[in-house]
Amino acid sequence: RSGRQAGRQAGRQAGRQAGRQAGKQASKQASKQASKQASKQVSSRQVVVGMTVG
């Protein structure tokens, strides 16, 4: 009976660990994607401004 309890505890611990890892990975990916998108937008806007000026 204690073995089943320990197994459930270990499973819960592993699940929490995996969830935290996945969340961290997802947030890192999302921030990287957002920064890339923002820099692309800024560069394209600068190009447009340069063309209108020139």
C-alpha atoms as a PDB file:
ATOM      1  CA  ARG A   1       0.000   0.000   0.000  1.00  0.00           C
ATOM      2  CA  SER A   2       2.841   2.369   0.849  1.00  0.00           C
ATOM      3  CA  GLY A   3       4.386   1.487  -2.514  1.00  0.00           C
ATOM      4  CA  ARG A   4       1.289   2.652  -4.337  1.00  0.00           C
ATOM      5  CA  GLN A   5       1.324   5.868  -2.300  1.00  0.00           C
ATOM      6  CA  ALA A   6       4.979   6.447  -3.156  1.00  0.00           C
ATOM      7  CA  GLY A   7       4.271   5.754  -6.822  1.00  0.00           C
ATOM      8  CA  ARG A   8       1.456   8.275  -6.881  1.00  0.00           C
ATOM      9  CA  GLN A   9       3.680  10.828  -5.135  1.00  0.00           C
ATOM     10  CA  ALA A  10       6.500  10.239  -7.626  1.00  0.00           C
ATOM     11  CA  GLY A  11       4.099  10.513 -10.547  1.00  0.00           C
ATOM     12  CA  ARG A  12       2.700  13.793  -9.270  1.00  0.00           C
ATOM     13  CA  GLN A  13       6.220  15.129  -8.734  1.00  0.00           C
ATOM     14  CA  ALA A  14       7.298  14.092 -12.238  1.00  0.00           C
ATOM     15  CA  GLY A  15       4.179  15.625 -13.767  1.00  0.00           C
ATOM     16  CA  ARG A  16       4.739  18.918 -11.979  1.00  0.00           C
ATOM     17  CA  GLN A  17       8.388  18.938 -13.068  1.00  0.00           C
ATOM     18  CA  ALA A  18       7.460  18.201 -16.688  1.00  0.00           C
ATOM     19  CA  GLY A  19       4.774  20.884 -16.652  1.00  0.00           C
ATOM     20  CA  ARG A  20       7.150  23.506 -15.302  1.00  0.00           C
ATOM     21  CA  GLN A  21       9.784  22.529 -17.886  1.00  0.00           C
ATOM     22  CA  ALA A  22       7.258  22.691 -20.715  1.00  0.00           C
ATOM     23  CA  GLY A  23       5.963  26.066 -19.544  1.00  0.00           C
ATOM     24  CA  LYS A  24       9.449  27.514 -19.315  1.00  0.00           C
ATOM     25  CA  GLN A  25      10.290  26.199 -22.788  1.00  0.00           C
ATOM     26  CA  ALA A  26       7.054  27.561 -24.243  1.00  0.00           C
ATOM     27  CA  SER A  27       7.515  31.018 -22.700  1.00  0.00           C
ATOM     28  CA  LYS A  28      11.114  31.176 -23.938  1.00  0.00           C
ATOM     29  CA  GLN A  29       9.984  30.164 -27.436  1.00  0.00           C
ATOM     30  CA  ALA A  30       7.144  32.698 -27.397  1.00  0.00           C
ATOM     31  CA  SER A  31       9.373  35.567 -26.246  1.00  0.00           C
ATOM     32  CA  LYS A  32      11.977  34.713 -28.885  1.00  0.00           C
ATOM     33  CA  GLN A  33       9.267  34.590 -31.554  1.00  0.00           C
ATOM     34  CA  ALA A  34       7.787  37.900 -30.392  1.00  0.00           C
ATOM     35  CA  SER A  35      11.159  39.674 -30.373  1.00  0.00           C
ATOM     36  CA  LYS A  36      11.960  38.325 -33.843  1.00  0.00           C
ATOM     37  CA  GLN A  37       8.573  39.491 -35.112  1.00  0.00           C
ATOM     38  CA  ALA A  38       9.033  42.937 -33.545  1.00  0.00           C
ATOM     39  CA  SER A  39      12.530  43.395 -34.990  1.00  0.00           C
ATOM     40  CA  LYS A  40      11.285  42.318 -38.430  1.00  0.00           C
ATOM     41  CA  GLN A  41       8.428  44.802 -38.200  1.00  0.00           C
ATOM     42  CA  VAL A  42      10.780  47.600 -37.147  1.00  0.00           C
ATOM     43  CA  SER A  43      13.245  46.867 -39.956  1.00  0.00           C
ATOM     44  CA  SER A  44      10.479  46.759 -42.587  1.00  0.00           C
ATOM     45  CA  ARG A  45       9.070  50.032 -41.240  1.00  0.00           C
ATOM     46  CA  GLN A  46      12.518  51.649 -41.435  1.00  0.00           C
ATOM     47  CA  VAL A  47      12.834  50.480 -45.038  1.00  0.00           C
ATOM     48  CA  VAL A  48       9.442  51.999 -45.848  1.00  0.00           C
ATOM     49  CA  VAL A  49      10.418  55.283 -44.176  1.00  0.00           C
ATOM     50  CA  GLY A  50      13.715  55.363 -46.079  1.00  0.00           C
ATOM     51  CA  MET A  51      11.944  54.767 -49.387  1.00  0.00           C
ATOM     52  CA  THR A  52       9.396  57.512 -48.750  1.00  0.00           C
ATOM     53  CA  VAL A  53      12.140  59.952 -47.745  1.00  0.00           C
ATOM     54  CA  GLY A  54      14.340  59.014 -50.686  1.00  0.00           C
END
